Amino acid sequence: MATEASLPAQPTGLRESKKQETRRLISDHATRLFIDQGFEQTTIAEIAAAARVAKKTVTNYFPRKEDLALDHQDAFVASLADAVGTRRPGESALAALRRAFEDSVTARDPVAGFSGPAFARMVTDSPTLTACLRNLHDQRERALGDALAAAVGASSDDITVQTAAGLLGAVHRILFQRIQDLTLAGHPDGEIAETVTEEAAGAFGMLEPALAHYAIA
């Protein structure tokens, strides 16, 4: 029998593929248990048993229990900063963020708030996840502030930068919650997208007088 040391090394692509498969398996079982039992009531041991892996494997992939439920955290935090960083020539930060939001609604992106009623209820019913989501909104606003500072050549603690980030972050926070509220009220995604697209136009329009010409690429 060959020993572990004598076995041929797996190609990097295969190893990475297996890691992603294991991560997805754990995440899928965790989400199912969280929805069925509640986030607070579900243990790491139960998730490990459902996924047929060791508890250590679960925590290696997901250091915190919250990471199992909110597994789009990195994309969420970076989303607004990325929109500013990739704005088109002649486009303001406001215009770029407005366009990116419209695209995310069209795509029914979870980062924008489209999560389905069962998942939205699971987050709403969990004090831990509710607090975690508030923190992620704060992190996203800080990342946006850093991107705006870089765009206008100012420091991130500049009052104008902080004000712009606060205004833009607040609109996105409100629209995210609006999508969640409509989801919990039982509205289908298509109807939510139509409603929020119209409401977003008004919300972003309120910022035009102050930010229409701010941070133009």
C-alpha atoms as a PDB file:
ATOM      1  CA  MET A   1       0.000   0.000   0.000  1.00  0.00           C
ATOM      2  CA  ALA A   2       1.331   3.440  -0.873  1.00  0.00           C
ATOM      3  CA  THR A   3       1.966   5.829   1.992  1.00  0.00           C
ATOM      4  CA  GLU A   4       0.747   9.430   1.965  1.00  0.00           C
ATOM      5  CA  ALA A   5       4.284  10.602   1.251  1.00  0.00           C
ATOM      6  CA  SER A   6       4.605   8.326  -1.787  1.00  0.00           C
ATOM      7  CA  LEU A   7       1.299   9.296  -3.377  1.00  0.00           C
ATOM      8  CA  PRO A   8       1.563  11.679  -6.325  1.00  0.00           C
ATOM      9  CA  ALA A   9       0.714  15.272  -5.473  1.00  0.00           C
ATOM     10  CA  GLN A  10      -2.685  16.434  -6.637  1.00  0.00           C
ATOM     11  CA  PRO A  11      -2.669  19.224  -9.210  1.00  0.00           C
ATOM     12  CA  THR A  12      -3.241  22.610  -7.622  1.00  0.00           C
ATOM     13  CA  GLY A  13      -6.450  23.106  -9.606  1.00  0.00           C
ATOM     14  CA  LEU A  14      -7.892  19.816  -8.345  1.00  0.00           C
ATOM     15  CA  ARG A  15      -6.967  20.566  -4.723  1.00  0.00           C
ATOM     16  CA  GLU A  16      -8.545  24.005  -4.954  1.00  0.00           C
ATOM     17  CA  SER A  17     -11.644  22.554  -6.592  1.00  0.00           C
ATOM     18  CA  LYS A  18     -12.035  20.030  -3.765  1.00  0.00           C
ATOM     19  CA  LYS A  19     -11.610  22.787  -1.171  1.00  0.00           C
ATOM     20  CA  GLN A  20     -14.328  24.861  -2.824  1.00  0.00           C
ATOM     21  CA  GLU A  21     -16.582  21.811  -2.999  1.00  0.00           C
ATOM     22  CA  THR A  22     -16.078  21.104   0.721  1.00  0.00           C
ATOM     23  CA  ARG A  23     -16.670  24.743   1.587  1.00  0.00           C
ATOM     24  CA  ARG A  24     -19.885  24.815  -0.436  1.00  0.00           C
ATOM     25  CA  LEU A  25     -21.066  21.530   1.119  1.00  0.00           C
ATOM     26  CA  ILE A  26     -20.551  22.852   4.643  1.00  0.00           C
ATOM     27  CA  SER A  27     -22.195  26.169   3.801  1.00  0.00           C
ATOM     28  CA  ASP A  28     -25.230  24.500   2.209  1.00  0.00           C
ATOM     29  CA  HIS A  29     -25.819  22.217   5.199  1.00  0.00           C
ATOM     30  CA  ALA A  30     -25.323  25.094   7.621  1.00  0.00           C
ATOM     31  CA  THR A  31     -27.831  27.288   5.782  1.00  0.00           C
ATOM     32  CA  ARG A  32     -30.414  24.482   5.771  1.00  0.00           C
ATOM     33  CA  LEU A  33     -29.995  23.919   9.511  1.00  0.00           C
ATOM     34  CA  PHE A  34     -30.076  27.637  10.303  1.00  0.00           C
ATOM     35  CA  ILE A  35     -33.325  28.038   8.385  1.00  0.00           C
ATOM     36  CA  ASP A  36     -34.893  24.905   9.890  1.00  0.00           C
ATOM     37  CA  GLN A  37     -33.753  25.387  13.500  1.00  0.00           C
ATOM     38  CA  GLY A  38     -32.676  29.017  13.806  1.00  0.00           C
ATOM     39  CA  PHE A  39     -29.162  30.407  13.789  1.00  0.00           C
ATOM     40  CA  GLU A  40     -28.791  30.699  17.547  1.00  0.00           C
ATOM     41  CA  GLN A  41     -30.062  27.158  18.169  1.00  0.00           C
ATOM     42  CA  THR A  42     -27.797  25.398  15.634  1.00  0.00           C
ATOM     43  CA  THR A  43     -24.379  24.173  16.787  1.00  0.00           C
ATOM     44  CA  ILE A  44     -21.132  23.688  14.885  1.00  0.00           C
ATOM     45  CA  ALA A  45     -21.266  20.013  15.884  1.00  0.00           C
ATOM     46  CA  GLU A  46     -24.644  19.628  14.171  1.00  0.00           C
ATOM     47  CA  ILE A  47     -23.330  21.289  11.024  1.00  0.00           C
ATOM     48  CA  ALA A  48     -20.246  19.060  10.993  1.00  0.00           C
ATOM     49  CA  ALA A  49     -22.388  15.965  11.421  1.00  0.00           C
ATOM     50  CA  ALA A  50     -24.730  16.997   8.605  1.00  0.00           C
ATOM     51  CA  ALA A  51     -21.809  17.670   6.265  1.00  0.00           C
ATOM     52  CA  ARG A  52     -19.990  14.518   7.449  1.00  0.00           C
ATOM     53  CA  VAL A  53     -16.809  16.397   8.324  1.00  0.00           C
ATOM     54  CA  ALA A  54     -14.946  17.080  11.564  1.00  0.00           C
ATOM     55  CA  LYS A  55     -15.808  20.147  13.650  1.00  0.00           C
ATOM     56  CA  LYS A  56     -12.252  21.351  13.037  1.00  0.00           C
ATOM     57  CA  THR A  57     -12.870  21.228   9.301  1.00  0.00           C
ATOM     58  CA  VAL A  58     -15.889  23.482   9.695  1.00  0.00           C
ATOM     59  CA  THR A  59     -13.957  26.049  11.714  1.00  0.00           C
ATOM     60  CA  ASN A  60     -10.989  25.882   9.350  1.00  0.00           C
ATOM     61  CA  TYR A  61     -13.222  27.026   6.521  1.00  0.00           C
ATOM     62  CA  PHE A  62     -15.452  29.283   8.619  1.00  0.00           C
ATOM     63  CA  PRO A  63     -13.679  30.674  11.720  1.00  0.00           C
ATOM     64  CA  ARG A  64     -16.887  32.217  13.094  1.00  0.00           C
ATOM     65  CA  LYS A  65     -20.366  30.779  13.113  1.00  0.00           C
ATOM     66  CA  GLU A  66     -21.645  33.980  11.478  1.00  0.00           C
ATOM     67  CA  ASP A  67     -19.372  33.318   8.505  1.00  0.00           C
ATOM     68  CA  LEU A  68     -21.429  30.218   7.741  1.00  0.00           C
ATOM     69  CA  ALA A  69     -24.601  32.264   7.383  1.00  0.00           C
ATOM     70  CA  LEU A  70     -23.270  35.455   5.780  1.00  0.00           C
ATOM     71  CA  ASP A  71     -20.833  33.968   3.299  1.00  0.00           C
ATOM     72  CA  HIS A  72     -20.923  36.938   0.880  1.00  0.00           C
ATOM     73  CA  GLN A  73     -19.288  39.227   3.451  1.00  0.00           C
ATOM     74  CA  ASP A  74     -16.178  40.127   1.466  1.00  0.00           C
ATOM     75  CA  ALA A  75     -18.154  40.940  -1.678  1.00  0.00           C
ATOM     76  CA  PHE A  76     -20.645  42.970   0.357  1.00  0.00           C
ATOM     77  CA  VAL A  77     -18.005  45.073   2.110  1.00  0.00           C
ATOM     78  CA  ALA A  78     -16.100  45.742  -1.122  1.00  0.00           C
ATOM     79  CA  SER A  79     -19.114  46.369  -3.371  1.00  0.00           C
ATOM     80  CA  LEU A  80     -19.427  50.156  -3.087  1.00  0.00           C
ATOM     81  CA  ALA A  81     -15.684  50.781  -3.138  1.00  0.00           C
ATOM     82  CA  ASP A  82     -15.371  48.571  -6.216  1.00  0.00           C
ATOM     83  CA  ALA A  83     -18.065  50.578  -8.011  1.00  0.00           C
ATOM     84  CA  VAL A  84     -16.172  53.800  -7.327  1.00  0.00           C
ATOM     85  CA  GLY A  85     -12.852  52.263  -8.338  1.00  0.00           C
ATOM     86  CA  THR A  86     -14.220  51.064 -11.678  1.00  0.00           C
ATOM     87  CA  ARG A  87     -16.272  54.133 -12.640  1.00  0.00           C
ATOM     88  CA  ARG A  88     -16.167  55.141 -16.288  1.00  0.00           C
ATOM     89  CA  PRO A  89     -14.300  58.201 -17.651  1.00  0.00           C
ATOM     90  CA  GLY A  90     -16.330  61.294 -16.849  1.00  0.00           C
ATOM     91  CA  GLU A  91     -18.562  59.391 -14.434  1.00  0.00           C
ATOM     92  CA  SER A  92     -19.066  60.623 -10.872  1.00  0.00           C
ATOM     93  CA  ALA A  93     -18.978  58.344  -7.869  1.00  0.00           C
ATOM     94  CA  LEU A  94     -22.736  58.858  -7.442  1.00  0.00           C
ATOM     95  CA  ALA A  95     -23.460  57.900 -11.058  1.00  0.00           C
ATOM     96  CA  ALA A  96     -21.231  54.820 -10.823  1.00  0.00           C
ATOM     97  CA  LEU A  97     -22.873  53.661  -7.602  1.00  0.00           C
ATOM     98  CA  ARG A  98     -26.333  54.261  -8.999  1.00  0.00           C
ATOM     99  CA  ARG A  99     -25.511  52.251 -12.121  1.00  0.00           C
ATOM    100  CA  ALA A 100     -23.977  49.433 -10.062  1.00  0.00           C
ATOM    101  CA  PHE A 101     -27.041  49.278  -7.836  1.00  0.00           C
ATOM    102  CA  GLU A 102     -29.367  49.068 -10.829  1.00  0.00           C
ATOM    103  CA  ASP A 103     -27.238  46.231 -12.222  1.00  0.00           C
ATOM    104  CA  SER A 104     -27.365  44.376  -8.911  1.00  0.00           C
ATOM    105  CA  VAL A 105     -31.151  44.663  -8.785  1.00  0.00           C
ATOM    106  CA  THR A 106     -31.441  43.350 -12.334  1.00  0.00           C
ATOM    107  CA  ALA A 107     -29.225  40.410 -11.355  1.00  0.00           C
ATOM    108  CA  ARG A 108     -31.183  39.841  -8.103  1.00  0.00           C
ATOM    109  CA  ASP A 109     -27.814  39.932  -6.347  1.00  0.00           C
ATOM    110  CA  PRO A 110     -27.728  38.714  -2.705  1.00  0.00           C
ATOM    111  CA  VAL A 111     -25.280  41.551  -1.999  1.00  0.00           C
ATOM    112  CA  ALA A 112     -28.084  44.003  -2.804  1.00  0.00           C
ATOM    113  CA  GLY A 113     -30.449  42.200  -0.435  1.00  0.00           C
ATOM    114  CA  PHE A 114     -32.110  39.504  -2.547  1.00  0.00           C
ATOM    115  CA  SER A 115     -31.926  36.455  -0.291  1.00  0.00           C
ATOM    116  CA  GLY A 116     -35.349  34.794  -0.353  1.00  0.00           C
ATOM    117  CA  PRO A 117     -37.929  34.903   2.474  1.00  0.00           C
ATOM    118  CA  ALA A 118     -36.609  31.948   4.501  1.00  0.00           C
ATOM    119  CA  PHE A 119     -33.081  33.349   4.644  1.00  0.00           C
ATOM    120  CA  ALA A 120     -34.261  36.902   5.329  1.00  0.00           C
ATOM    121  CA  ARG A 121     -36.396  35.631   8.212  1.00  0.00           C
ATOM    122  CA  MET A 122     -33.489  33.625   9.600  1.00  0.00           C
ATOM    123  CA  VAL A 123     -31.303  36.764   9.698  1.00  0.00           C
ATOM    124  CA  THR A 124     -34.061  38.946  11.143  1.00  0.00           C
ATOM    125  CA  ASP A 125     -34.816  36.444  13.900  1.00  0.00           C
ATOM    126  CA  SER A 126     -31.161  36.226  14.993  1.00  0.00           C
ATOM    127  CA  PRO A 127     -29.762  38.994  17.217  1.00  0.00           C
ATOM    128  CA  THR A 128     -26.245  37.805  16.358  1.00  0.00           C
ATOM    129  CA  LEU A 129     -26.751  38.013  12.602  1.00  0.00           C
ATOM    130  CA  THR A 130     -28.628  41.307  12.836  1.00  0.00           C
ATOM    131  CA  ALA A 131     -25.681  42.841  14.721  1.00  0.00           C
ATOM    132  CA  CYS A 132     -23.227  41.285  12.281  1.00  0.00           C
ATOM    133  CA  LEU A 133     -25.105  42.781   9.328  1.00  0.00           C
ATOM    134  CA  ARG A 134     -25.027  46.250  10.915  1.00  0.00           C
ATOM    135  CA  ASN A 135     -21.282  45.882  11.313  1.00  0.00           C
ATOM    136  CA  LEU A 136     -20.909  44.847   7.674  1.00  0.00           C
ATOM    137  CA  HIS A 137     -22.804  47.970   6.585  1.00  0.00           C
ATOM    138  CA  ASP A 138     -20.382  50.042   8.673  1.00  0.00           C
ATOM    139  CA  GLN A 139     -17.381  48.266   7.151  1.00  0.00           C
ATOM    140  CA  ARG A 140     -18.763  48.835   3.660  1.00  0.00           C
ATOM    141  CA  GLU A 141     -19.174  52.546   4.336  1.00  0.00           C
ATOM    142  CA  ARG A 142     -15.597  52.794   5.612  1.00  0.00           C
ATOM    143  CA  ALA A 143     -14.300  50.991   2.519  1.00  0.00           C
ATOM    144  CA  LEU A 144     -16.319  53.393   0.368  1.00  0.00           C
ATOM    145  CA  GLY A 145     -14.768  56.313   2.229  1.00  0.00           C
ATOM    146  CA  ASP A 146     -11.279  54.996   1.484  1.00  0.00           C
ATOM    147  CA  ALA A 147     -12.159  54.647  -2.199  1.00  0.00           C
ATOM    148  CA  LEU A 148     -13.581  58.173  -2.344  1.00  0.00           C
ATOM    149  CA  ALA A 149     -10.510  59.549  -0.594  1.00  0.00           C
ATOM    150  CA  ALA A 150      -8.270  57.916  -3.188  1.00  0.00           C
ATOM    151  CA  ALA A 151     -10.489  59.202  -5.991  1.00  0.00           C
ATOM    152  CA  VAL A 152     -10.281  62.859  -4.907  1.00  0.00           C
ATOM    153  CA  GLY A 153      -6.762  62.801  -3.474  1.00  0.00           C
ATOM    154  CA  ALA A 154      -7.807  63.453   0.114  1.00  0.00           C
ATOM    155  CA  SER A 155      -7.308  61.670   3.408  1.00  0.00           C
ATOM    156  CA  SER A 156      -9.941  59.216   4.566  1.00  0.00           C
ATOM    157  CA  ASP A 157     -10.671  61.391   7.631  1.00  0.00           C
ATOM    158  CA  ASP A 158     -11.472  64.422   5.465  1.00  0.00           C
ATOM    159  CA  ILE A 159     -14.907  65.694   6.488  1.00  0.00           C
ATOM    160  CA  THR A 160     -16.135  65.992   2.906  1.00  0.00           C
ATOM    161  CA  VAL A 161     -15.070  62.436   2.149  1.00  0.00           C
ATOM    162  CA  GLN A 162     -16.732  61.147   5.306  1.00  0.00           C
ATOM    163  CA  THR A 163     -19.935  63.065   4.552  1.00  0.00           C
ATOM    164  CA  ALA A 164     -20.091  61.772   0.978  1.00  0.00           C
ATOM    165  CA  ALA A 165     -19.452  58.203   2.146  1.00  0.00           C
ATOM    166  CA  GLY A 166     -22.085  58.581   4.857  1.00  0.00           C
ATOM    167  CA  LEU A 167     -24.738  59.846   2.445  1.00  0.00           C
ATOM    168  CA  LEU A 168     -24.027  57.207  -0.186  1.00  0.00           C
ATOM    169  CA  GLY A 169     -23.716  54.450   2.390  1.00  0.00           C
ATOM    170  CA  ALA A 170     -27.027  55.455   3.989  1.00  0.00           C
ATOM    171  CA  VAL A 171     -28.914  55.204   0.688  1.00  0.00           C
ATOM    172  CA  HIS A 172     -27.535  51.721   0.064  1.00  0.00           C
ATOM    173  CA  ARG A 173     -28.295  50.660   3.634  1.00  0.00           C
ATOM    174  CA  ILE A 174     -31.897  51.859   3.303  1.00  0.00           C
ATOM    175  CA  LEU A 175     -32.377  50.184  -0.082  1.00  0.00           C
ATOM    176  CA  PHE A 176     -30.920  46.913   1.223  1.00  0.00           C
ATOM    177  CA  GLN A 177     -33.363  46.948   4.121  1.00  0.00           C
ATOM    178  CA  ARG A 178     -36.199  47.857   1.773  1.00  0.00           C
ATOM    179  CA  ILE A 179     -35.491  44.747  -0.304  1.00  0.00           C
ATOM    180  CA  GLN A 180     -35.389  42.650   2.855  1.00  0.00           C
ATOM    181  CA  ASP A 181     -38.671  44.113   4.141  1.00  0.00           C
ATOM    182  CA  LEU A 182     -40.454  43.495   0.845  1.00  0.00           C
ATOM    183  CA  THR A 183     -39.062  39.956   0.776  1.00  0.00           C
ATOM    184  CA  LEU A 184     -40.367  39.268   4.281  1.00  0.00           C
ATOM    185  CA  ALA A 185     -43.751  40.702   3.277  1.00  0.00           C
ATOM    186  CA  GLY A 186     -44.007  37.991   0.628  1.00  0.00           C
ATOM    187  CA  HIS A 187     -43.456  40.006  -2.539  1.00  0.00           C
ATOM    188  CA  PRO A 188     -41.829  38.107  -5.446  1.00  0.00           C
ATOM    189  CA  ASP A 189     -38.378  39.191  -6.612  1.00  0.00           C
ATOM    190  CA  GLY A 190     -39.650  40.632  -9.888  1.00  0.00           C
ATOM    191  CA  GLU A 191     -42.096  42.899  -8.096  1.00  0.00           C
ATOM    192  CA  ILE A 192     -39.448  43.885  -5.547  1.00  0.00           C
ATOM    193  CA  ALA A 193     -37.005  44.769  -8.319  1.00  0.00           C
ATOM    194  CA  GLU A 194     -39.591  46.961 -10.037  1.00  0.00           C
ATOM    195  CA  THR A 195     -40.514  48.736  -6.812  1.00  0.00           C
ATOM    196  CA  VAL A 196     -36.960  49.266  -5.603  1.00  0.00           C
ATOM    197  CA  THR A 197     -35.719  50.466  -8.993  1.00  0.00           C
ATOM    198  CA  GLU A 198     -38.297  53.249  -8.909  1.00  0.00           C
ATOM    199  CA  GLU A 199     -37.616  54.095  -5.277  1.00  0.00           C
ATOM    200  CA  ALA A 200     -33.847  54.033  -5.810  1.00  0.00           C
ATOM    201  CA  ALA A 201     -34.173  56.598  -8.586  1.00  0.00           C
ATOM    202  CA  GLY A 202     -35.766  58.967  -6.113  1.00  0.00           C
ATOM    203  CA  ALA A 203     -33.279  58.197  -3.348  1.00  0.00           C
ATOM    204  CA  PHE A 204     -30.212  58.700  -5.529  1.00  0.00           C
ATOM    205  CA  GLY A 205     -31.857  61.758  -7.081  1.00  0.00           C
ATOM    206  CA  MET A 206     -31.949  63.417  -3.674  1.00  0.00           C
ATOM    207  CA  LEU A 207     -28.141  63.279  -3.615  1.00  0.00           C
ATOM    208  CA  GLU A 208     -27.679  64.831  -7.069  1.00  0.00           C
ATOM    209  CA  PRO A 209     -27.483  68.476  -5.901  1.00  0.00           C
ATOM    210  CA  ALA A 210     -24.609  67.659  -3.530  1.00  0.00           C
ATOM    211  CA  LEU A 211     -22.737  64.862  -5.272  1.00  0.00           C
ATOM    212  CA  ALA A 212     -23.451  64.995  -9.024  1.00  0.00           C
ATOM    213  CA  HIS A 213     -19.982  66.401  -9.698  1.00  0.00           C
ATOM    214  CA  TYR A 214     -18.060  64.752  -6.861  1.00  0.00           C
ATOM    215  CA  ALA A 215     -15.220  62.301  -7.534  1.00  0.00           C
ATOM    216  CA  ILE A 216     -15.525  62.365 -11.317  1.00  0.00           C
ATOM    217  CA  ALA A 217     -13.164  59.923 -13.049  1.00  0.00           C
END
